[in-house]
């Protein structure tokens, strides 16, 4: 259920109400019973937590071994001509 912001036209206070999309909007201020209007708000931020949101979460298990071999200066494929940027490619 979304949170809606309302502003009272009489007292000027801004308040939030938590109700369903299909519910009737608030019509009276909860502070002074004046007329309110619903404000357009940006909404909540989108937060990603936990596993499954990064490309590294789906890498093959041998990825770390290959990265260590590359860092050590050996070609992960074991062939000198297969890697363009490999230090052992002879280029």
N, C-alpha and C. Protein backbone atom coordinates (compact mmCIF):
# COMPACT_ATOMS: atom_id res chain seq x y z
N UNK A 1 0.84 -1.18 0.00
CA UNK A 1 0.00 0.00 0.00
C UNK A 1 0.88 1.25 0.00
N UNK A 2 0.54 2.22 -0.80
CA UNK A 2 1.36 3.43 -0.89
C UNK A 2 1.08 4.43 0.24
N UNK A 3 2.03 5.31 0.42
CA UNK A 3 1.89 6.41 1.36
C UNK A 3 1.63 7.68 0.56
N UNK A 4 0.59 8.40 0.92
CA UNK A 4 0.23 9.63 0.22
C UNK A 4 0.50 10.84 1.10
N UNK A 5 0.92 11.93 0.47
CA UNK A 5 1.13 13.19 1.18
C UNK A 5 -0.04 14.13 0.90
N UNK A 6 -0.48 14.80 1.94
CA UNK A 6 -1.57 15.77 1.82
C UNK A 6 -1.13 17.09 2.44
N UNK A 7 -1.67 18.19 1.90
CA UNK A 7 -1.41 19.52 2.45
C UNK A 7 -2.74 20.20 2.72
N UNK A 8 -2.84 20.73 3.92
CA UNK A 8 -4.07 21.42 4.31
C UNK A 8 -4.06 22.83 3.72
N UNK A 9 -5.16 23.22 3.11
CA UNK A 9 -5.27 24.57 2.54
C UNK A 9 -5.57 25.61 3.61
N UNK A 10 -6.03 25.18 4.77
CA UNK A 10 -6.37 26.11 5.85
C UNK A 10 -5.16 26.39 6.75
N UNK A 11 -4.55 25.33 7.30
CA UNK A 11 -3.44 25.54 8.25
C UNK A 11 -2.06 25.36 7.60
N UNK A 12 -2.02 24.79 6.40
CA UNK A 12 -0.76 24.64 5.68
C UNK A 12 0.10 23.46 6.09
N UNK A 13 -0.37 22.64 7.02
CA UNK A 13 0.41 21.49 7.47
C UNK A 13 0.41 20.40 6.40
N UNK A 14 1.54 19.71 6.30
CA UNK A 14 1.70 18.59 5.39
C UNK A 14 1.76 17.33 6.22
N UNK A 15 0.97 16.31 5.84
CA UNK A 15 0.99 15.05 6.57
C UNK A 15 0.86 13.89 5.59
N UNK A 16 1.21 12.71 6.08
CA UNK A 16 1.17 11.51 5.26
C UNK A 16 0.07 10.58 5.73
N UNK A 17 -0.51 9.87 4.79
CA UNK A 17 -1.52 8.85 5.09
C UNK A 17 -1.17 7.60 4.31
N UNK A 18 -1.28 6.46 4.96
CA UNK A 18 -0.97 5.17 4.37
C UNK A 18 -2.29 4.44 4.11
N UNK A 19 -2.66 4.32 2.83
CA UNK A 19 -3.89 3.61 2.48
C UNK A 19 -3.78 3.03 1.08
N UNK A 20 -4.71 2.15 0.74
CA UNK A 20 -4.66 1.46 -0.55
C UNK A 20 -4.95 2.43 -1.70
N UNK A 21 -4.61 2.00 -2.88
CA UNK A 21 -4.82 2.81 -4.08
C UNK A 21 -6.31 3.02 -4.34
N UNK A 22 -7.11 2.03 -4.03
CA UNK A 22 -8.55 2.09 -4.31
C UNK A 22 -9.34 2.84 -3.23
N UNK A 23 -8.69 3.15 -2.09
CA UNK A 23 -9.39 3.85 -1.01
C UNK A 23 -9.65 5.31 -1.41
N UNK A 24 -10.70 5.88 -0.85
CA UNK A 24 -11.03 7.28 -1.10
C UNK A 24 -9.92 8.17 -0.52
N UNK A 25 -9.52 9.22 -1.24
CA UNK A 25 -8.50 10.13 -0.70
C UNK A 25 -9.02 10.89 0.52
N UNK A 26 -8.10 11.31 1.37
CA UNK A 26 -8.46 12.09 2.56
C UNK A 26 -9.00 13.44 2.09
N UNK A 27 -10.07 13.92 2.76
CA UNK A 27 -10.69 15.18 2.35
C UNK A 27 -10.56 16.26 3.41
N UNK A 28 -10.33 15.86 4.67
CA UNK A 28 -10.23 16.83 5.76
C UNK A 28 -8.91 16.67 6.49
N UNK A 29 -8.36 17.79 6.91
CA UNK A 29 -7.11 17.82 7.67
C UNK A 29 -7.31 17.16 9.03
N UNK A 30 -6.37 16.35 9.43
CA UNK A 30 -6.50 15.68 10.73
C UNK A 30 -6.13 16.60 11.89
N UNK A 31 -5.63 17.80 11.59
CA UNK A 31 -5.26 18.77 12.64
C UNK A 31 -6.34 19.83 12.86
N UNK A 32 -6.89 20.36 11.74
CA UNK A 32 -7.85 21.47 11.88
C UNK A 32 -9.18 21.23 11.15
N UNK A 33 -9.32 20.08 10.50
CA UNK A 33 -10.51 19.71 9.72
C UNK A 33 -10.73 20.59 8.50
N UNK A 34 -9.66 21.26 8.05
CA UNK A 34 -9.74 22.06 6.83
C UNK A 34 -9.64 21.18 5.59
N UNK A 35 -9.89 21.77 4.43
CA UNK A 35 -9.83 21.05 3.16
C UNK A 35 -8.37 20.74 2.81
N UNK A 36 -8.11 19.52 2.33
CA UNK A 36 -6.75 19.12 1.95
C UNK A 36 -6.69 18.77 0.48
N UNK A 37 -5.48 18.82 -0.06
CA UNK A 37 -5.25 18.35 -1.42
C UNK A 37 -4.07 17.39 -1.39
N UNK A 38 -4.14 16.39 -2.24
CA UNK A 38 -3.08 15.39 -2.29
C UNK A 38 -1.91 15.93 -3.11
N UNK A 39 -0.71 15.76 -2.59
CA UNK A 39 0.50 16.23 -3.26
C UNK A 39 1.09 15.13 -4.12
N UNK A 40 1.81 15.53 -5.13
CA UNK A 40 2.55 14.58 -5.96
C UNK A 40 3.91 14.41 -5.30
N UNK A 41 4.20 13.19 -4.91
CA UNK A 41 5.48 12.94 -4.23
C UNK A 41 6.32 11.98 -5.06
N UNK A 42 7.64 12.00 -4.85
CA UNK A 42 8.53 11.16 -5.65
C UNK A 42 8.43 9.68 -5.33
N UNK A 43 7.87 9.34 -4.20
CA UNK A 43 7.77 7.93 -3.83
C UNK A 43 9.01 7.46 -3.09
N UNK A 44 9.03 6.21 -2.78
CA UNK A 44 10.14 5.64 -2.01
C UNK A 44 11.31 5.31 -2.93
N UNK A 45 12.48 5.30 -2.35
CA UNK A 45 13.66 4.92 -3.10
C UNK A 45 13.68 3.42 -3.36
N UNK A 46 14.35 3.02 -4.39
CA UNK A 46 14.43 1.62 -4.76
C UNK A 46 15.72 1.07 -4.21
N UNK A 47 15.64 0.11 -3.28
CA UNK A 47 16.82 -0.42 -2.61
C UNK A 47 16.97 -1.90 -2.93
N UNK A 48 18.17 -2.28 -3.36
CA UNK A 48 18.48 -3.67 -3.64
C UNK A 48 19.38 -4.19 -2.54
N UNK A 49 18.95 -5.25 -1.86
CA UNK A 49 19.77 -5.85 -0.81
C UNK A 49 19.83 -7.34 -1.04
N UNK A 50 20.93 -7.92 -0.66
CA UNK A 50 21.07 -9.37 -0.74
C UNK A 50 21.77 -9.81 -2.01
N UNK A 51 21.79 -11.12 -2.22
CA UNK A 51 22.45 -11.70 -3.39
C UNK A 51 21.56 -11.62 -4.61
N UNK A 52 22.18 -11.71 -5.78
CA UNK A 52 21.43 -11.80 -7.01
C UNK A 52 21.28 -10.51 -7.77
N UNK A 53 21.97 -9.44 -7.36
CA UNK A 53 21.81 -8.16 -8.03
C UNK A 53 23.05 -7.72 -8.81
N UNK A 54 24.10 -8.50 -8.76
CA UNK A 54 25.34 -8.12 -9.42
C UNK A 54 25.76 -9.21 -10.40
N UNK A 55 26.48 -8.82 -11.43
CA UNK A 55 26.95 -9.80 -12.41
C UNK A 55 27.89 -10.80 -11.77
N UNK A 56 28.60 -10.39 -10.73
CA UNK A 56 29.53 -11.29 -10.06
C UNK A 56 28.81 -12.41 -9.32
N UNK A 57 27.54 -12.26 -9.02
CA UNK A 57 26.80 -13.30 -8.32
C UNK A 57 26.51 -14.51 -9.20
N UNK A 58 26.61 -14.34 -10.52
CA UNK A 58 26.28 -15.42 -11.43
C UNK A 58 27.49 -15.95 -12.20
N UNK A 59 28.66 -15.58 -11.80
CA UNK A 59 29.86 -16.04 -12.50
C UNK A 59 30.10 -17.51 -12.23
N UNK A 60 30.83 -18.12 -13.15
CA UNK A 60 31.17 -19.54 -13.01
C UNK A 60 32.14 -19.71 -11.84
N UNK A 61 32.14 -20.87 -11.22
CA UNK A 61 33.05 -21.10 -10.08
C UNK A 61 34.54 -20.95 -10.43
N UNK A 62 34.90 -21.25 -11.67
CA UNK A 62 36.32 -21.15 -12.04
C UNK A 62 36.76 -19.74 -12.41
N UNK A 63 35.86 -18.76 -12.28
CA UNK A 63 36.21 -17.37 -12.61
C UNK A 63 37.37 -16.86 -11.76
N UNK A 64 37.33 -17.13 -10.46
CA UNK A 64 38.39 -16.65 -9.58
C UNK A 64 39.73 -17.28 -9.93
N UNK A 65 39.73 -18.58 -10.28
CA UNK A 65 40.99 -19.25 -10.67
C UNK A 65 41.56 -18.61 -11.93
N UNK A 66 40.69 -18.32 -12.91
CA UNK A 66 41.16 -17.70 -14.15
C UNK A 66 41.69 -16.29 -13.87
N UNK A 67 41.03 -15.55 -13.03
CA UNK A 67 41.48 -14.19 -12.71
C UNK A 67 42.83 -14.24 -12.00
N UNK A 68 43.04 -15.20 -11.12
CA UNK A 68 44.32 -15.33 -10.43
C UNK A 68 45.44 -15.69 -11.40
N UNK A 69 45.13 -16.57 -12.37
CA UNK A 69 46.13 -16.94 -13.37
C UNK A 69 46.52 -15.73 -14.23
N UNK A 70 45.52 -14.94 -14.62
CA UNK A 70 45.80 -13.74 -15.41
C UNK A 70 46.65 -12.76 -14.63
N UNK A 71 46.34 -12.59 -13.35
CA UNK A 71 47.11 -11.67 -12.52
C UNK A 71 48.54 -12.17 -12.32
N UNK A 72 48.72 -13.49 -12.32
CA UNK A 72 50.05 -14.08 -12.14
C UNK A 72 50.85 -14.06 -13.44
N UNK A 73 50.23 -13.74 -14.56
CA UNK A 73 50.95 -13.63 -15.84
C UNK A 73 50.85 -14.88 -16.70
N UNK A 74 49.99 -15.81 -16.39
CA UNK A 74 49.81 -16.98 -17.23
C UNK A 74 48.47 -16.89 -17.94
N UNK A 75 48.40 -17.45 -19.10
CA UNK A 75 47.18 -17.42 -19.89
C UNK A 75 46.17 -18.39 -19.30
N UNK A 76 44.91 -17.97 -19.06
CA UNK A 76 43.92 -18.88 -18.48
C UNK A 76 43.55 -20.03 -19.40
N UNK A 77 43.71 -19.84 -20.70
CA UNK A 77 43.38 -20.90 -21.65
C UNK A 77 44.53 -21.87 -21.84
N UNK A 78 45.71 -21.50 -21.34
CA UNK A 78 46.88 -22.37 -21.48
C UNK A 78 47.54 -22.28 -22.85
N UNK A 79 47.10 -21.35 -23.68
CA UNK A 79 47.66 -21.17 -25.01
C UNK A 79 48.20 -19.76 -25.12
N UNK A 80 49.37 -19.63 -25.69
CA UNK A 80 49.99 -18.32 -25.79
C UNK A 80 49.30 -17.43 -26.81
N UNK A 81 48.72 -17.99 -27.85
CA UNK A 81 48.14 -17.17 -28.91
C UNK A 81 46.65 -16.88 -28.73
N UNK A 82 46.02 -17.42 -27.67
CA UNK A 82 44.58 -17.24 -27.56
C UNK A 82 44.16 -15.93 -26.92
N UNK A 83 45.04 -15.30 -26.16
CA UNK A 83 44.67 -14.08 -25.45
C UNK A 83 45.35 -12.87 -26.07
N UNK A 84 44.56 -11.91 -26.52
CA UNK A 84 45.12 -10.71 -27.14
C UNK A 84 45.87 -9.85 -26.14
N UNK A 85 45.37 -9.75 -24.93
CA UNK A 85 45.99 -8.89 -23.92
C UNK A 85 46.85 -9.67 -22.92
N UNK A 86 47.02 -10.95 -23.15
CA UNK A 86 47.79 -11.79 -22.23
C UNK A 86 49.27 -11.45 -22.36
N UNK A 87 49.99 -11.32 -21.25
CA UNK A 87 51.43 -11.01 -21.32
C UNK A 87 52.23 -12.13 -21.96
N UNK A 88 51.66 -13.34 -22.04
CA UNK A 88 52.38 -14.47 -22.65
C UNK A 88 52.00 -14.69 -24.10
N UNK A 89 51.26 -13.78 -24.69
CA UNK A 89 50.79 -13.99 -26.06
C UNK A 89 51.88 -13.77 -27.10
N UNK A 90 53.02 -13.23 -26.69
CA UNK A 90 54.11 -13.04 -27.62
C UNK A 90 54.02 -11.72 -28.38
N UNK A 91 53.11 -10.87 -28.01
CA UNK A 91 52.93 -9.58 -28.70
C UNK A 91 53.62 -8.51 -27.94
